[in-house]
């Protein structure tokens, strides 16, 4: 069974998910080796997870919820994990936390790099607040990128973003917008700094693995493009 749709493997802890993990794998009709390949881990790691011998990353739980109902690679874009995704909050001591939007683009999803990218973002200090596995149609992609409508690359960009599944993710951190732009690197991976997402995982300037909001204002607009106001309110935002 050929499928694509890996997951971010962040830090985990032992959970009551162990039986659910095996049921999920069996529902997909995958061997441990196949399941591990999809998630970007070894068969031995899957075996340890199922046996309760190794902590299951929280991100695996998130994807299990996201893909429940065999949404592989997720044609049903209404499956959502609405955590706290709106606005800003201030931690004790007056430190400002805010949110931004990333989109793992079709090239990275199709080539099995999703898990590595999400792990990279978590390791860079971001907290995942919401994610959705979806496939944009032409109308939605055109609306999302309307600010580029007069640019010569606009048609190609819309075509690329509708070519396969993508994963919008709401991320939270101190100075989230600026921080994410630094973490992903320059648009052209050839010009991106070493260790950035695009330097590590992008194929070209056109197929560059990830989108990131470029301002707080655009981050708010882009978050609400994928996550409804009701969902934000229900999540406590």
Protein backbone atom coordinates (compact mmCIF):
# COMPACT_ATOMS: atom_id res chain seq x y z
CA UNK A 1 0.00 0.00 0.00
CA UNK A 2 1.76 3.17 -1.18
CA UNK A 3 1.00 6.21 0.94
CA UNK A 4 2.63 9.48 1.84
CA UNK A 5 1.98 11.72 4.77
CA UNK A 6 4.62 11.83 7.49
CA UNK A 7 4.41 13.58 10.82
CA UNK A 8 6.53 15.86 12.94
CA UNK A 9 8.35 13.83 15.53
CA UNK A 10 8.90 16.15 18.45
CA UNK A 11 9.70 15.29 22.01
CA UNK A 12 7.26 12.86 23.55
CA UNK A 13 6.40 11.13 26.78
CA UNK A 14 4.77 7.84 27.67
CA UNK A 15 1.06 8.02 27.00
CA UNK A 16 -1.96 5.80 26.98
CA UNK A 17 -1.81 5.86 23.20
CA UNK A 18 0.19 2.60 22.84
CA UNK A 19 -2.81 0.35 21.97
CA UNK A 20 -4.29 3.10 19.78
CA UNK A 21 -1.05 3.39 17.83
CA UNK A 22 -1.12 -0.27 16.84
CA UNK A 23 -4.82 -0.11 15.95
CA UNK A 24 -4.10 2.92 13.78
CA UNK A 25 -1.26 1.11 11.97
CA UNK A 26 -3.35 -2.00 11.39
CA UNK A 27 -6.27 0.10 10.13
CA UNK A 28 -3.92 1.43 7.46
CA UNK A 29 -2.93 -2.15 6.57
CA UNK A 30 0.75 -1.39 7.11
CA UNK A 31 3.59 -3.46 8.50
CA UNK A 32 5.75 -1.88 11.18
CA UNK A 33 8.43 -1.23 8.56
CA UNK A 34 5.97 0.46 6.19
CA UNK A 35 4.44 2.49 9.01
CA UNK A 36 7.89 3.56 10.16
CA UNK A 37 8.88 4.62 6.65
CA UNK A 38 5.75 6.76 6.42
CA UNK A 39 6.55 8.45 9.73
CA UNK A 40 10.24 8.74 8.95
CA UNK A 41 11.41 6.40 11.71
CA UNK A 42 12.76 2.85 11.84
CA UNK A 43 10.70 -0.34 12.23
CA UNK A 44 12.45 -0.84 15.56
CA UNK A 45 11.18 2.53 16.79
CA UNK A 46 7.59 1.62 15.86
CA UNK A 47 8.02 -1.69 17.67
CA UNK A 48 9.26 0.10 20.81
CA UNK A 49 6.33 2.55 20.66
CA UNK A 50 3.81 -0.26 20.34
CA UNK A 51 5.46 -2.17 23.14
CA UNK A 52 5.47 0.82 25.48
CA UNK A 53 9.27 0.81 25.63
CA UNK A 54 9.79 4.27 24.15
CA UNK A 55 7.95 7.57 24.54
CA UNK A 56 5.53 8.36 21.73
CA UNK A 57 6.01 11.94 20.48
CA UNK A 58 3.05 14.24 20.94
CA UNK A 59 3.17 14.98 17.22
CA UNK A 60 2.37 11.34 16.44
CA UNK A 61 -0.75 11.66 18.57
CA UNK A 62 -1.70 14.80 16.66
CA UNK A 63 -1.38 13.08 13.29
CA UNK A 64 -3.27 10.04 14.52
CA UNK A 65 -6.19 12.35 15.33
CA UNK A 66 -5.75 14.22 12.06
CA UNK A 67 -5.74 11.11 9.90
CA UNK A 68 -8.41 9.15 11.76
CA UNK A 69 -10.76 7.80 9.11
CA UNK A 70 -7.92 6.90 6.71
CA UNK A 71 -7.37 10.42 5.40
CA UNK A 72 -4.18 9.58 3.56
CA UNK A 73 -2.97 11.95 2.26
CA UNK A 74 -6.12 13.77 3.37
CA UNK A 75 -8.66 14.73 0.78
CA UNK A 76 -11.04 15.63 3.62
CA UNK A 77 -9.72 19.02 4.60
CA UNK A 78 -12.19 19.52 7.43
CA UNK A 79 -10.22 17.35 9.84
CA UNK A 80 -8.56 19.86 12.13
CA UNK A 81 -6.73 19.98 15.41
CA UNK A 82 -7.90 23.33 16.83
CA UNK A 83 -5.62 24.21 19.69
CA UNK A 84 -5.00 27.77 20.85
CA UNK A 85 -4.36 29.63 17.61
CA UNK A 86 -5.59 33.22 17.82
CA UNK A 87 -3.98 36.46 18.82
CA UNK A 88 -1.24 36.95 21.38
CA UNK A 89 -0.76 36.16 25.01
CA UNK A 90 1.64 37.43 27.63
CA UNK A 91 3.43 34.99 29.90
CA UNK A 92 4.27 35.73 33.51
CA UNK A 93 6.95 38.39 33.61
CA UNK A 94 5.47 40.30 30.66
CA UNK A 95 7.09 38.26 27.89
CA UNK A 96 5.03 38.45 24.69
CA UNK A 97 4.14 35.27 22.82
CA UNK A 98 2.58 35.43 19.38
CA UNK A 99 1.70 33.13 16.53
CA UNK A 100 2.48 32.74 12.89
CA UNK A 101 1.49 30.43 10.04
CA UNK A 102 3.71 27.96 8.25
CA UNK A 103 2.63 25.78 5.34
CA UNK A 104 4.55 22.66 4.50
CA UNK A 105 4.26 22.72 0.72
CA UNK A 106 3.34 19.87 -1.63
CA UNK A 107 6.94 19.11 -2.63
CA UNK A 108 7.95 18.43 0.99
CA UNK A 109 4.79 16.46 1.77
CA UNK A 110 5.16 14.30 -1.35
CA UNK A 111 8.85 13.60 -0.75
CA UNK A 112 8.33 12.50 2.85
CA UNK A 113 10.02 15.45 4.57
CA UNK A 114 7.09 16.61 6.71
CA UNK A 115 8.24 14.87 9.86
CA UNK A 116 11.76 16.26 9.65
CA UNK A 117 10.49 19.78 9.03
CA UNK A 118 8.03 19.74 11.94
CA UNK A 119 10.70 18.30 14.22
CA UNK A 120 13.07 21.05 13.06
CA UNK A 121 10.47 23.71 13.94
CA UNK A 122 9.84 22.21 17.37
CA UNK A 123 13.55 21.95 18.06
CA UNK A 124 13.90 25.61 17.08
CA UNK A 125 11.61 26.57 19.94
CA UNK A 126 8.16 26.70 18.35
CA UNK A 127 5.06 25.21 19.92
CA UNK A 128 2.49 23.66 17.57
CA UNK A 129 -0.93 25.21 18.19
CA UNK A 130 -2.94 23.85 15.23
CA UNK A 131 -2.41 21.93 12.03
CA UNK A 132 -4.47 20.69 9.12
CA UNK A 133 -3.74 18.29 6.30
CA UNK A 134 -5.45 19.63 3.20
CA UNK A 135 -5.32 20.05 -0.55
CA UNK A 136 -6.02 23.52 -1.90
CA UNK A 137 -8.11 23.90 -5.02
CA UNK A 138 -7.32 26.62 -7.58
CA UNK A 139 -9.83 29.08 -6.17
CA UNK A 140 -8.53 28.79 -2.61
CA UNK A 141 -4.89 28.95 -3.65
CA UNK A 142 -5.56 32.00 -5.83
CA UNK A 143 -7.26 33.74 -2.91
CA UNK A 144 -4.48 32.90 -0.46
CA UNK A 145 -1.77 34.25 -2.78
CA UNK A 146 -3.77 37.19 -4.15
CA UNK A 147 -1.13 39.65 -2.94
CA UNK A 148 1.10 38.21 -5.69
CA UNK A 149 -1.55 38.40 -8.42
CA UNK A 150 0.42 40.88 -10.54
CA UNK A 151 3.67 38.97 -10.24
CA UNK A 152 4.93 36.86 -13.17
CA UNK A 153 5.28 33.79 -10.93
CA UNK A 154 1.67 33.93 -9.66
CA UNK A 155 0.13 31.34 -12.02
CA UNK A 156 2.97 28.89 -11.47
CA UNK A 157 2.71 29.36 -7.71
CA UNK A 158 -1.03 28.62 -7.68
CA UNK A 159 -0.47 25.57 -9.88
CA UNK A 160 2.27 24.27 -7.59
CA UNK A 161 0.27 24.80 -4.40
CA UNK A 162 -2.66 22.82 -5.86
CA UNK A 163 -0.47 19.94 -7.09
CA UNK A 164 -0.78 17.90 -3.89
CA UNK A 165 -1.46 17.90 -0.17
CA UNK A 166 -0.09 20.65 2.04
CA UNK A 167 -0.04 21.17 5.80
CA UNK A 168 -0.84 24.58 7.33
CA UNK A 169 0.53 24.83 10.87
CA UNK A 170 0.03 27.51 13.50
CA UNK A 171 3.21 28.03 15.51
CA UNK A 172 3.78 29.99 18.69
CA UNK A 173 7.01 31.51 19.98
CA UNK A 174 8.47 34.78 21.16
CA UNK A 175 8.51 37.01 18.06
CA UNK A 176 7.07 34.13 16.05
CA UNK A 177 6.93 35.83 12.62
CA UNK A 178 10.51 37.05 12.63
CA UNK A 179 11.80 33.86 14.24
CA UNK A 180 10.13 31.59 11.67
CA UNK A 181 11.49 33.62 8.75
CA UNK A 182 14.97 33.15 10.18
CA UNK A 183 14.49 29.43 10.80
CA UNK A 184 13.24 28.63 7.28
CA UNK A 185 15.90 30.64 5.43
CA UNK A 186 15.97 32.47 2.11
CA UNK A 187 13.43 31.74 -0.64
CA UNK A 188 16.15 30.22 -2.82
CA UNK A 189 17.75 27.28 -0.98
CA UNK A 190 21.02 28.06 -2.76
CA UNK A 191 21.09 31.34 -0.83
CA UNK A 192 19.69 30.00 2.46
CA UNK A 193 21.89 29.86 5.53
CA UNK A 194 23.24 26.46 6.63
CA UNK A 195 20.91 24.59 8.96
CA UNK A 196 17.75 26.39 7.84
CA UNK A 197 14.69 24.46 6.68
CA UNK A 198 15.07 25.41 3.04
CA UNK A 199 18.79 24.72 2.95
CA UNK A 200 18.12 21.25 4.33
CA UNK A 201 14.87 20.26 2.62
CA UNK A 202 13.97 22.53 -0.34
CA UNK A 203 14.53 21.41 -3.92
CA UNK A 204 14.65 24.79 -5.67
CA UNK A 205 13.47 28.39 -5.46
CA UNK A 206 10.09 27.30 -6.82
CA UNK A 207 9.82 24.06 -4.82
CA UNK A 208 11.08 25.45 -1.54
CA UNK A 209 9.34 23.22 1.02
CA UNK A 210 7.70 25.77 3.31
CA UNK A 211 5.75 29.03 3.47
CA UNK A 212 5.93 31.47 6.39
CA UNK A 213 3.91 34.59 7.14
CA UNK A 214 5.92 37.76 6.58
CA UNK A 215 4.24 40.08 9.11
CA UNK A 216 2.04 39.91 12.21
CA UNK A 217 -0.84 41.31 10.16
CA UNK A 218 -0.47 38.69 7.44
CA UNK A 219 -0.03 35.95 10.05
CA UNK A 220 -3.43 36.78 11.51
CA UNK A 221 -5.04 36.85 8.06
CA UNK A 222 -3.42 33.58 7.02
CA UNK A 223 -4.30 31.78 10.25
CA UNK A 224 -7.97 32.71 9.86
CA UNK A 225 -7.82 31.63 6.21
CA UNK A 226 -7.34 28.03 7.36
CA UNK A 227 -8.84 28.09 10.85
CA UNK A 228 -12.29 29.61 11.43
CA UNK A 229 -13.06 32.19 14.09
CA UNK A 230 -15.36 29.70 15.78
CA UNK A 231 -12.55 27.18 15.96
CA UNK A 232 -10.27 29.78 17.47
CA UNK A 233 -12.84 30.71 20.09
CA UNK A 234 -13.60 27.07 20.88
CA UNK A 235 -9.90 26.50 21.46
CA UNK A 236 -9.75 29.21 24.09
CA UNK A 237 -8.01 31.80 21.89
